[in-house]
Amino acid sequence: MSETHVTVIGNVATEVSYGESSGGVPMANFQLGFTERRYDRERACWVDGEAQWLRVTAWRALAVNLIGSLSKGDPVLVTGRLRVHEWTEGEVKRSRAEISARSVGHDLTRGTAAFRWAAGVRGQPAGAAGVAGAEVAEEPVPGWIVNALESRRASMVASAVAAAPRLPELPRAGRSLTEQQDGVSEGETGGEGRATVS
């Protein structure tokens, strides 16, 4: 049987809970809420449909990174394998849909986010620091992304250096700044009291 992979856009509806499996594997989960938007032809406008809920479960490095990245109410995109769990309580059959997450990210159509590299991720640019305890990702970061980040970082440093204010020149050896200022003001008025440089 083939797996069903989905991408769902919604909001984090609960705080992210974190734990470990019996084998010590990091695991995190949260409820994802989303609402279908549809066009109502009679009213000629978009309306919200029924709210839906999915449980999102993440493992290993993704689970560790979710803890420091998501808060209740955040708009997110979740990609992963869709599974339906079924069980029986007494004579009642119950089911729950769940996404075993492969990737989770903020929905940047509704806000901004600042990315930080997790420690130990392959393909991470040199000198990048991140969240301690994250394990090595399953896939390396493509080289073109690493190169683009390093180029952007270099151009930001160059811009900061160019925009930095210039410091005033330090006084010459043997004269204090006050003596130099006195000498300039006296020289302008023709006075004889200039300090001499030894």
N, C-alpha and C. Protein backbone atom coordinates (compact mmCIF):
# COMPACT_ATOMS: atom_id res chain seq x y z
N MET A 1 0.84 -1.19 0.00
CA MET A 1 0.00 0.00 0.00
C MET A 1 0.88 1.24 0.00
N SER A 2 0.58 2.20 -0.87
CA SER A 2 1.39 3.41 -0.95
C SER A 2 1.00 4.38 0.16
N GLU A 3 1.96 5.22 0.55
CA GLU A 3 1.72 6.20 1.60
C GLU A 3 1.10 7.45 1.00
N THR A 4 0.32 8.15 1.81
CA THR A 4 -0.30 9.40 1.39
C THR A 4 0.45 10.55 2.04
N HIS A 5 1.10 11.38 1.21
CA HIS A 5 1.82 12.55 1.71
C HIS A 5 0.98 13.79 1.43
N VAL A 6 0.89 14.65 2.44
CA VAL A 6 0.05 15.84 2.32
C VAL A 6 0.82 17.06 2.83
N THR A 7 0.37 18.23 2.41
CA THR A 7 0.83 19.50 2.96
C THR A 7 -0.41 20.25 3.44
N VAL A 8 -0.39 20.65 4.71
CA VAL A 8 -1.54 21.32 5.31
C VAL A 8 -1.10 22.68 5.84
N ILE A 9 -1.91 23.70 5.57
CA ILE A 9 -1.67 25.05 6.08
C ILE A 9 -2.68 25.31 7.19
N GLY A 10 -2.20 25.75 8.33
CA GLY A 10 -3.11 26.01 9.44
C GLY A 10 -2.41 26.75 10.56
N ASN A 11 -2.97 26.65 11.77
CA ASN A 11 -2.41 27.30 12.94
C ASN A 11 -2.14 26.28 14.03
N VAL A 12 -1.07 26.53 14.80
CA VAL A 12 -0.76 25.68 15.95
C VAL A 12 -1.85 25.95 16.99
N ALA A 13 -2.63 24.90 17.32
CA ALA A 13 -3.78 25.09 18.20
C ALA A 13 -3.48 24.78 19.66
N THR A 14 -2.37 24.13 19.95
CA THR A 14 -1.98 23.80 21.32
C THR A 14 -0.49 24.07 21.49
N GLU A 15 -0.04 24.13 22.72
CA GLU A 15 1.40 24.21 22.95
C GLU A 15 2.04 22.90 22.48
N VAL A 16 3.28 22.98 22.02
CA VAL A 16 3.99 21.79 21.57
C VAL A 16 4.39 20.98 22.79
N SER A 17 4.03 19.70 22.80
CA SER A 17 4.44 18.84 23.91
C SER A 17 5.61 17.98 23.45
N TYR A 18 6.54 17.74 24.37
CA TYR A 18 7.78 17.04 24.03
C TYR A 18 7.97 15.84 24.95
N GLY A 19 8.51 14.77 24.41
CA GLY A 19 8.82 13.59 25.21
C GLY A 19 9.80 12.71 24.46
N GLU A 20 10.04 11.55 24.98
CA GLU A 20 10.93 10.58 24.33
C GLU A 20 10.26 9.22 24.31
N SER A 21 10.53 8.47 23.25
CA SER A 21 10.00 7.12 23.16
C SER A 21 10.72 6.24 24.17
N SER A 22 10.26 5.00 24.31
CA SER A 22 10.91 4.07 25.24
C SER A 22 12.36 3.81 24.84
N GLY A 23 12.68 4.01 23.56
CA GLY A 23 14.05 3.83 23.08
C GLY A 23 14.89 5.10 23.17
N GLY A 24 14.33 6.19 23.74
CA GLY A 24 15.06 7.44 23.90
C GLY A 24 15.04 8.34 22.69
N VAL A 25 14.13 8.09 21.74
CA VAL A 25 14.03 8.93 20.53
C VAL A 25 13.17 10.15 20.83
N PRO A 26 13.68 11.39 20.57
CA PRO A 26 12.88 12.60 20.82
C PRO A 26 11.60 12.61 19.98
N MET A 27 10.51 13.06 20.60
CA MET A 27 9.21 13.11 19.93
C MET A 27 8.47 14.35 20.40
N ALA A 28 7.80 15.04 19.48
CA ALA A 28 7.00 16.20 19.83
C ALA A 28 5.69 16.14 19.06
N ASN A 29 4.64 16.71 19.63
CA ASN A 29 3.38 16.77 18.90
C ASN A 29 2.57 17.99 19.30
N PHE A 30 1.65 18.36 18.41
CA PHE A 30 0.73 19.47 18.66
C PHE A 30 -0.50 19.29 17.80
N GLN A 31 -1.56 20.01 18.14
CA GLN A 31 -2.78 20.00 17.34
C GLN A 31 -2.69 21.11 16.31
N LEU A 32 -3.05 20.79 15.09
CA LEU A 32 -3.07 21.76 14.00
C LEU A 32 -4.52 22.03 13.64
N GLY A 33 -4.92 23.29 13.68
CA GLY A 33 -6.27 23.66 13.30
C GLY A 33 -6.27 24.37 11.96
N PHE A 34 -7.23 24.05 11.12
CA PHE A 34 -7.31 24.72 9.82
C PHE A 34 -8.78 24.79 9.40
N THR A 35 -9.06 25.77 8.59
CA THR A 35 -10.44 26.01 8.14
C THR A 35 -10.45 26.14 6.63
N GLU A 36 -11.36 25.43 6.01
CA GLU A 36 -11.52 25.51 4.56
C GLU A 36 -12.10 26.87 4.19
N ARG A 37 -11.52 27.50 3.17
CA ARG A 37 -12.06 28.75 2.64
C ARG A 37 -12.71 28.42 1.30
N ARG A 38 -13.95 28.87 1.14
CA ARG A 38 -14.63 28.62 -0.12
C ARG A 38 -15.37 29.88 -0.56
N TYR A 39 -15.60 29.95 -1.86
CA TYR A 39 -16.28 31.13 -2.42
C TYR A 39 -17.78 30.90 -2.42
N ASP A 40 -18.52 31.80 -1.78
CA ASP A 40 -19.98 31.73 -1.75
C ASP A 40 -20.52 32.58 -2.89
N ARG A 41 -21.05 31.92 -3.92
CA ARG A 41 -21.52 32.63 -5.12
C ARG A 41 -22.75 33.51 -4.81
N GLU A 42 -23.59 33.07 -3.90
CA GLU A 42 -24.79 33.85 -3.58
C GLU A 42 -24.44 35.18 -2.93
N ARG A 43 -23.47 35.16 -2.02
CA ARG A 43 -23.07 36.39 -1.33
C ARG A 43 -21.89 37.08 -2.00
N ALA A 44 -21.32 36.42 -3.00
CA ALA A 44 -20.19 36.96 -3.76
C ALA A 44 -19.01 37.32 -2.86
N CYS A 45 -18.66 36.40 -1.96
CA CYS A 45 -17.50 36.62 -1.09
C CYS A 45 -16.97 35.27 -0.59
N TRP A 46 -15.76 35.32 -0.01
CA TRP A 46 -15.15 34.12 0.57
C TRP A 46 -15.67 33.93 1.98
N VAL A 47 -15.95 32.68 2.34
CA VAL A 47 -16.45 32.37 3.68
C VAL A 47 -15.64 31.20 4.26
N ASP A 48 -15.62 31.13 5.59
CA ASP A 48 -14.94 30.03 6.27
C ASP A 48 -15.85 28.83 6.35
N GLY A 49 -15.26 27.67 6.11
CA GLY A 49 -16.00 26.43 6.27
C GLY A 49 -15.85 25.92 7.69
N GLU A 50 -16.03 24.63 7.87
CA GLU A 50 -15.94 24.02 9.19
C GLU A 50 -14.48 23.88 9.61
N ALA A 51 -14.20 24.16 10.88
CA ALA A 51 -12.84 24.00 11.40
C ALA A 51 -12.50 22.52 11.50
N GLN A 52 -11.27 22.19 11.16
CA GLN A 52 -10.81 20.80 11.21
C GLN A 52 -9.55 20.73 12.07
N TRP A 53 -9.26 19.55 12.61
CA TRP A 53 -8.14 19.39 13.53
C TRP A 53 -7.34 18.16 13.16
N LEU A 54 -6.03 18.30 13.18
CA LEU A 54 -5.13 17.18 12.93
C LEU A 54 -4.07 17.16 14.02
N ARG A 55 -3.67 15.99 14.43
CA ARG A 55 -2.55 15.86 15.35
C ARG A 55 -1.29 15.75 14.51
N VAL A 56 -0.27 16.54 14.85
CA VAL A 56 1.01 16.51 14.13
C VAL A 56 2.05 15.91 15.08
N THR A 57 2.74 14.89 14.60
CA THR A 57 3.80 14.25 15.39
C THR A 57 5.11 14.36 14.64
N ALA A 58 6.16 14.75 15.36
CA ALA A 58 7.49 14.89 14.76
C ALA A 58 8.48 14.08 15.58
N TRP A 59 9.53 13.62 14.93
CA TRP A 59 10.53 12.76 15.57
C TRP A 59 11.93 13.33 15.40
N ARG A 60 12.83 12.93 16.25
CA ARG A 60 14.27 13.21 16.21
C ARG A 60 14.57 14.71 16.14
N ALA A 61 15.42 15.13 15.20
CA ALA A 61 15.86 16.54 15.14
C ALA A 61 14.69 17.49 14.93
N LEU A 62 13.71 17.09 14.12
CA LEU A 62 12.55 17.95 13.90
C LEU A 62 11.79 18.17 15.20
N ALA A 63 11.66 17.14 16.01
CA ALA A 63 10.97 17.27 17.30
C ALA A 63 11.71 18.25 18.21
N VAL A 64 13.03 18.15 18.26
CA VAL A 64 13.83 19.04 19.10
C VAL A 64 13.68 20.49 18.62
N ASN A 65 13.72 20.71 17.32
CA ASN A 65 13.64 22.06 16.77
C ASN A 65 12.26 22.69 16.92
N LEU A 66 11.20 21.86 16.97
CA LEU A 66 9.85 22.40 17.14
C LEU A 66 9.68 23.11 18.47
N ILE A 67 10.33 22.57 19.51
CA ILE A 67 10.17 23.12 20.85
C ILE A 67 10.58 24.59 20.90
N GLY A 68 11.71 24.93 20.30
CA GLY A 68 12.18 26.31 20.33
C GLY A 68 11.66 27.18 19.21
N SER A 69 10.79 26.64 18.35
CA SER A 69 10.37 27.39 17.17
C SER A 69 8.89 27.74 17.12
N LEU A 70 8.03 26.91 17.70
CA LEU A 70 6.59 27.12 17.55
C LEU A 70 5.92 27.52 18.86
N SER A 71 4.93 28.38 18.74
CA SER A 71 4.09 28.77 19.86
C SER A 71 2.64 28.62 19.44
N LYS A 72 1.77 28.51 20.41
CA LYS A 72 0.34 28.39 20.14
C LYS A 72 -0.12 29.60 19.34
N GLY A 73 -0.85 29.36 18.25
CA GLY A 73 -1.36 30.42 17.40
C GLY A 73 -0.52 30.70 16.17
N ASP A 74 0.72 30.17 16.10
CA ASP A 74 1.58 30.42 14.94
C ASP A 74 0.98 29.83 13.67
N PRO A 75 1.02 30.59 12.55
CA PRO A 75 0.61 30.03 11.26
C PRO A 75 1.73 29.17 10.69
N VAL A 76 1.41 27.95 10.29
CA VAL A 76 2.44 27.01 9.84
C VAL A 76 2.01 26.23 8.60
N LEU A 77 3.02 25.65 7.94
CA LEU A 77 2.80 24.68 6.87
C LEU A 77 3.42 23.38 7.37
N VAL A 78 2.69 22.30 7.24
CA VAL A 78 3.17 20.98 7.69
C VAL A 78 3.10 20.02 6.52
N THR A 79 4.21 19.34 6.26
CA THR A 79 4.27 18.33 5.21
C THR A 79 4.64 17.01 5.85
N GLY A 80 3.95 15.95 5.47
CA GLY A 80 4.28 14.64 6.02
C GLY A 80 3.33 13.57 5.56
N ARG A 81 3.40 12.42 6.25
CA ARG A 81 2.60 11.26 5.90
C ARG A 81 1.29 11.29 6.68
N LEU A 82 0.17 11.20 5.98
CA LEU A 82 -1.14 11.20 6.61
C LEU A 82 -1.49 9.78 7.03
N ARG A 83 -1.88 9.64 8.31
CA ARG A 83 -2.31 8.34 8.82
C ARG A 83 -3.61 8.50 9.58
N VAL A 84 -4.44 7.48 9.54
CA VAL A 84 -5.68 7.48 10.31
C VAL A 84 -5.60 6.34 11.31
N HIS A 85 -5.69 6.68 12.60
CA HIS A 85 -5.68 5.68 13.66
C HIS A 85 -7.12 5.34 14.03
N GLU A 86 -7.42 4.07 14.11
CA GLU A 86 -8.76 3.64 14.48
C GLU A 86 -8.68 2.76 15.72
N TRP A 87 -9.63 2.91 16.62
CA TRP A 87 -9.70 2.07 17.81
C TRP A 87 -11.15 1.98 18.27
N THR A 88 -11.39 1.10 19.21
CA THR A 88 -12.75 0.89 19.71
C THR A 88 -12.80 1.18 21.20
N GLU A 89 -13.76 1.97 21.60
CA GLU A 89 -14.01 2.24 23.02
C GLU A 89 -15.38 1.65 23.33
N GLY A 90 -15.39 0.53 24.03
CA GLY A 90 -16.65 -0.18 24.25
C GLY A 90 -17.15 -0.71 22.93
N GLU A 91 -18.30 -0.24 22.52
CA GLU A 91 -18.85 -0.65 21.22
C GLU A 91 -18.74 0.46 20.18
N VAL A 92 -18.11 1.55 20.55
CA VAL A 92 -18.01 2.71 19.66
C VAL A 92 -16.67 2.70 18.95
N LYS A 93 -16.72 2.80 17.63
CA LYS A 93 -15.48 2.90 16.85
C LYS A 93 -15.08 4.36 16.75
N ARG A 94 -13.81 4.62 16.99
CA ARG A 94 -13.30 5.98 16.92
C ARG A 94 -12.12 6.01 15.97
N SER A 95 -11.85 7.22 15.45
CA SER A 95 -10.70 7.39 14.55
C SER A 95 -10.12 8.79 14.74
N ARG A 96 -8.85 8.91 14.41
CA ARG A 96 -8.18 10.21 14.52
C ARG A 96 -7.16 10.30 13.38
N ALA A 97 -7.21 11.43 12.66
CA ALA A 97 -6.23 11.67 11.59
C ALA A 97 -4.98 12.28 12.19
N GLU A 98 -3.83 11.88 11.68
CA GLU A 98 -2.55 12.37 12.19
C GLU A 98 -1.57 12.52 11.05
N ILE A 99 -0.71 13.54 11.16
CA ILE A 99 0.37 13.71 10.19
C ILE A 99 1.67 13.38 10.89
N SER A 100 2.41 12.43 10.33
CA SER A 100 3.77 12.18 10.79
C SER A 100 4.66 13.14 9.99
N ALA A 101 5.07 14.23 10.65
CA ALA A 101 5.67 15.36 9.94
C ALA A 101 7.05 15.05 9.38
N ARG A 102 7.29 15.51 8.19
CA ARG A 102 8.61 15.46 7.55
C ARG A 102 9.25 16.84 7.62
N SER A 103 8.42 17.89 7.46
CA SER A 103 8.88 19.29 7.53
C SER A 103 7.79 20.15 8.13
N VAL A 104 8.20 21.15 8.89
CA VAL A 104 7.27 22.12 9.46
C VAL A 104 7.91 23.49 9.32
N GLY A 105 7.16 24.47 8.87
CA GLY A 105 7.70 25.82 8.73
C GLY A 105 6.62 26.86 8.96
N HIS A 106 7.06 28.07 9.27
CA HIS A 106 6.11 29.17 9.43
C HIS A 106 5.55 29.59 8.07
N ASP A 107 4.29 30.01 8.07
CA ASP A 107 3.63 30.49 6.86
C ASP A 107 4.01 31.96 6.66
N LEU A 108 4.94 32.21 5.76
CA LEU A 108 5.47 33.56 5.56
C LEU A 108 4.54 34.48 4.77
N THR A 109 3.38 33.99 4.35
CA THR A 109 2.40 34.89 3.75
C THR A 109 1.72 35.72 4.82
N ARG A 110 1.88 35.33 6.10
CA ARG A 110 1.21 36.04 7.18
C ARG A 110 2.18 36.66 8.19
N GLY A 111 3.47 36.59 7.94
CA GLY A 111 4.43 37.18 8.86
C GLY A 111 5.84 36.89 8.44
N THR A 112 6.80 37.24 9.29
CA THR A 112 8.21 37.00 9.00
C THR A 112 8.80 36.07 10.05
N ALA A 113 9.92 35.45 9.70
CA ALA A 113 10.61 34.56 10.63
C ALA A 113 12.11 34.71 10.39
N ALA A 114 12.91 34.46 11.42
CA ALA A 114 14.36 34.51 11.30
C ALA A 114 14.90 33.10 11.51
N PHE A 115 15.61 32.59 10.53
CA PHE A 115 16.11 31.21 10.58
C PHE A 115 17.42 31.13 11.36
N ARG A 116 17.55 30.11 12.19
CA ARG A 116 18.79 29.84 12.91
C ARG A 116 19.16 28.38 12.66
N TRP A 117 20.41 28.14 12.31
CA TRP A 117 20.87 26.78 12.06
C TRP A 117 20.90 25.99 13.36
N ALA A 118 20.49 24.74 13.29
CA ALA A 118 20.60 23.84 14.44
C ALA A 118 22.00 23.25 14.46
N ALA A 119 22.53 23.02 15.65
CA ALA A 119 23.88 22.48 15.79
C ALA A 119 23.95 21.09 15.17
N GLY A 120 25.02 20.83 14.43
CA GLY A 120 25.27 19.50 13.89
C GLY A 120 24.57 19.18 12.58
N VAL A 121 23.91 20.15 11.94
CA VAL A 121 23.22 19.89 10.68
C VAL A 121 24.23 19.88 9.54
N ARG A 122 24.20 18.83 8.73
CA ARG A 122 25.13 18.76 7.60
C ARG A 122 24.83 19.86 6.61
N GLY A 123 25.90 20.45 6.02
CA GLY A 123 25.72 21.51 5.04
C GLY A 123 25.60 22.88 5.69
N GLN A 124 25.70 22.93 7.01
CA GLN A 124 25.60 24.20 7.73
C GLN A 124 26.82 25.06 7.43
N PRO A 125 26.64 26.37 7.16
CA PRO A 125 27.78 27.23 6.89
C PRO A 125 28.72 27.29 8.08
N ALA A 126 30.00 27.48 7.80
CA ALA A 126 31.00 27.55 8.87
C ALA A 126 30.67 28.67 9.82
N GLY A 127 30.81 28.39 11.12
CA GLY A 127 30.59 29.41 12.14
C GLY A 127 29.14 29.62 12.50
N ALA A 128 28.21 28.91 11.86
CA ALA A 128 26.80 29.09 12.20
C ALA A 128 26.51 28.40 13.51
N ALA A 129 25.78 29.06 14.38
CA ALA A 129 25.42 28.48 15.67
C ALA A 129 23.93 28.24 15.70
N GLY A 130 23.51 27.29 16.48
CA GLY A 130 22.08 27.00 16.54
C GLY A 130 21.68 26.38 17.84
N VAL A 131 20.56 25.69 17.81
CA VAL A 131 20.00 25.07 19.01
C VAL A 131 20.81 23.86 19.39
N ALA A 132 21.26 23.79 20.62
CA ALA A 132 22.04 22.65 21.07
C ALA A 132 21.14 21.43 21.18
N GLY A 133 21.70 20.27 20.89
CA GLY A 133 20.97 19.02 21.07
C GLY A 133 20.29 18.52 19.82
N ALA A 134 20.26 19.29 18.74
CA ALA A 134 19.62 18.82 17.52
C ALA A 134 20.50 17.78 16.87
N GLU A 135 19.88 16.75 16.34
CA GLU A 135 20.65 15.70 15.71
C GLU A 135 20.88 16.01 14.24
N VAL A 136 21.71 15.21 13.59
CA VAL A 136 22.03 15.42 12.19
C VAL A 136 20.79 15.17 11.35
N ALA A 137 20.51 16.06 10.41
CA ALA A 137 19.33 15.93 9.55
C ALA A 137 19.50 14.75 8.61
N GLU A 138 18.37 14.27 8.09
CA GLU A 138 18.41 13.12 7.21
C GLU A 138 18.96 13.49 5.83
N GLU A 139 18.83 14.74 5.41
CA GLU A 139 19.31 15.17 4.10
C GLU A 139 20.21 16.38 4.26
N PRO A 140 21.30 16.47 3.47
CA PRO A 140 22.15 17.65 3.56
C PRO A 140 21.47 18.85 2.93
N VAL A 141 21.88 20.04 3.39
CA VAL A 141 21.38 21.27 2.79
C VAL A 141 22.08 21.43 1.44
N PRO A 142 21.34 21.71 0.37
CA PRO A 142 21.97 21.86 -0.94
C PRO A 142 23.04 22.95 -0.93
N GLY A 143 24.13 22.73 -1.69
CA GLY A 143 25.26 23.65 -1.74
C GLY A 143 24.87 25.06 -2.18
N TRP A 144 23.92 25.17 -3.12
CA TRP A 144 23.55 26.50 -3.61
C TRP A 144 22.90 27.32 -2.51
N ILE A 145 22.20 26.67 -1.56
CA ILE A 145 21.61 27.40 -0.45
C ILE A 145 22.70 27.90 0.49
N VAL A 146 23.67 27.02 0.78
CA VAL A 146 24.79 27.40 1.65
C VAL A 146 25.55 28.58 1.04
N ASN A 147 25.84 28.50 -0.27
CA ASN A 147 26.57 29.58 -0.95
C ASN A 147 25.78 30.89 -0.92
N ALA A 148 24.46 30.81 -1.12
CA ALA A 148 23.63 32.02 -1.10
C ALA A 148 23.63 32.66 0.28
N LEU A 149 23.56 31.84 1.32
CA LEU A 149 23.59 32.37 2.69
C LEU A 149 24.92 33.02 3.01
N GLU A 150 26.03 32.38 2.61
CA GLU A 150 27.35 32.96 2.87
C GLU A 150 27.54 34.27 2.11
N SER A 151 27.05 34.33 0.87
CA SER A 151 27.14 35.56 0.08
C SER A 151 26.31 36.67 0.71
N ARG A 152 25.11 36.34 1.17
CA ARG A 152 24.26 37.33 1.82
C ARG A 152 24.89 37.85 3.09
N ARG A 153 25.46 36.94 3.90
CA ARG A 153 26.10 37.33 5.15
C ARG A 153 27.28 38.26 4.86
N ALA A 154 28.09 37.96 3.82
CA ALA A 154 29.24 38.79 3.47
C ALA A 154 28.79 40.18 3.02
N SER A 155 27.72 40.26 2.23
CA SER A 155 27.25 41.57 1.77
C SER A 155 26.67 42.39 2.91
N MET A 156 26.05 41.72 3.90
CA MET A 156 25.52 42.44 5.06
C MET A 156 26.66 43.01 5.90
N VAL A 157 27.75 42.27 6.05
CA VAL A 157 28.91 42.75 6.80
C VAL A 157 29.53 43.93 6.08
N ALA A 158 29.67 43.83 4.74
CA ALA A 158 30.25 44.92 3.96
C ALA A 158 29.40 46.18 4.06
N SER A 159 28.07 46.03 4.03
CA SER A 159 27.17 47.18 4.15
C SER A 159 27.28 47.82 5.53
N ALA A 160 27.41 46.99 6.57
CA ALA A 160 27.52 47.51 7.93
C ALA A 160 28.82 48.29 8.11
N VAL A 161 29.90 47.79 7.52
CA VAL A 161 31.19 48.49 7.62
C VAL A 161 31.13 49.82 6.88
N ALA A 162 30.52 49.84 5.70
CA ALA A 162 30.43 51.08 4.92
C ALA A 162 29.55 52.12 5.61
N ALA A 163 28.53 51.67 6.34
CA ALA A 163 27.61 52.60 6.99
C ALA A 163 28.07 53.02 8.38
N ALA A 164 29.13 52.41 8.90
CA ALA A 164 29.59 52.74 10.25
C ALA A 164 30.15 54.16 10.29
N PRO A 165 29.83 54.92 11.36
CA PRO A 165 30.36 56.29 11.46
C PRO A 165 31.87 56.27 11.66
N ARG A 166 32.53 57.28 11.10
CA ARG A 166 33.99 57.40 11.23
C ARG A 166 34.33 57.96 12.59
N LEU A 167 35.34 57.41 13.23
CA LEU A 167 35.80 57.90 14.53
C LEU A 167 36.70 59.12 14.32
N PRO A 168 36.70 60.08 15.26
CA PRO A 168 37.58 61.24 15.12
C PRO A 168 39.04 60.81 15.27
N GLU A 169 39.93 61.59 14.64
CA GLU A 169 41.35 61.26 14.73
C GLU A 169 41.84 61.47 16.16
N LEU A 170 42.72 60.60 16.58
CA LEU A 170 43.30 60.71 17.91
C LEU A 170 44.35 61.81 17.92
N PRO A 171 44.58 62.45 19.08
CA PRO A 171 45.61 63.50 19.14
C PRO A 171 46.99 62.93 18.91
N ARG A 172 47.88 63.80 18.37
CA ARG A 172 49.25 63.35 18.14
C ARG A 172 49.95 63.09 19.46
N ALA A 173 50.94 62.28 19.44
CA ALA A 173 51.66 61.91 20.67
C ALA A 173 52.22 63.16 21.35
N GLY A 174 52.12 63.19 22.68
CA GLY A 174 52.70 64.28 23.45
C GLY A 174 51.75 65.45 23.66
N ARG A 175 50.59 65.46 22.99
CA ARG A 175 49.63 66.56 23.18
C ARG A 175 48.29 65.98 23.56
N SER A 176 47.64 66.59 24.49
CA SER A 176 46.29 66.15 24.83
C SER A 176 45.31 66.80 23.86
N LEU A 177 44.09 66.26 23.82
CA LEU A 177 43.07 66.81 22.95
C LEU A 177 42.74 68.24 23.35
N THR A 178 42.75 68.52 24.65
CA THR A 178 42.48 69.88 25.14
C THR A 178 43.54 70.85 24.67
N GLU A 179 44.81 70.43 24.71
CA GLU A 179 45.89 71.31 24.26
C GLU A 179 45.76 71.61 22.77
N GLN A 180 45.37 70.58 21.97
CA GLN A 180 45.22 70.82 20.54
C GLN A 180 44.08 71.80 20.27
N GLN A 181 42.96 71.65 21.01
CA GLN A 181 41.83 72.56 20.81
C GLN A 181 42.21 73.98 21.23
N ASP A 182 42.96 74.11 22.36
CA ASP A 182 43.40 75.43 22.78
C ASP A 182 44.30 76.06 21.73
N GLY A 183 45.21 75.25 21.16
CA GLY A 183 46.14 75.76 20.15
C GLY A 183 45.42 76.25 18.93
N VAL A 184 44.35 75.54 18.51
CA VAL A 184 43.60 75.95 17.33
C VAL A 184 42.89 77.26 17.60
N SER A 185 42.24 77.38 18.76
CA SER A 185 41.49 78.61 19.02
C SER A 185 42.43 79.80 19.19
N GLU A 186 43.62 79.58 19.82
CA GLU A 186 44.55 80.69 19.97
C GLU A 186 45.19 81.06 18.64
N GLY A 187 45.44 80.05 17.80
CA GLY A 187 46.03 80.32 16.50
C GLY A 187 45.10 81.13 15.64
N GLU A 188 43.80 80.88 15.77
CA GLU A 188 42.85 81.62 14.97
C GLU A 188 42.77 83.09 15.41
N THR A 189 43.06 83.35 16.72
CA THR A 189 42.96 84.74 17.19
C THR A 189 44.32 85.41 17.22
N GLY A 190 45.36 84.72 16.81
CA GLY A 190 46.68 85.32 16.76
C GLY A 190 47.40 85.26 18.10
N GLY A 191 46.93 84.47 19.05
CA GLY A 191 47.55 84.40 20.36
C GLY A 191 48.89 83.69 20.34
N GLU A 192 49.68 83.90 21.37
CA GLU A 192 51.01 83.32 21.47
C GLU A 192 51.07 82.08 22.33
N GLY A 193 49.96 81.64 22.94
CA GLY A 193 50.01 80.60 23.94
C GLY A 193 49.87 79.18 23.44
N ARG A 194 50.33 78.86 22.24
CA ARG A 194 50.21 77.50 21.73
C ARG A 194 51.10 76.55 22.50
N ALA A 195 50.60 75.34 22.69
CA ALA A 195 51.43 74.32 23.33
C ALA A 195 52.39 73.75 22.30
N THR A 196 53.58 73.43 22.74
CA THR A 196 54.56 72.88 21.81
C THR A 196 54.58 71.37 21.94
N VAL A 197 54.87 70.72 20.85
CA VAL A 197 54.95 69.27 20.83
C VAL A 197 56.36 68.87 21.15
N SER A 198 56.51 68.01 22.17
CA SER A 198 57.86 67.60 22.55
C SER A 198 58.30 66.40 21.74
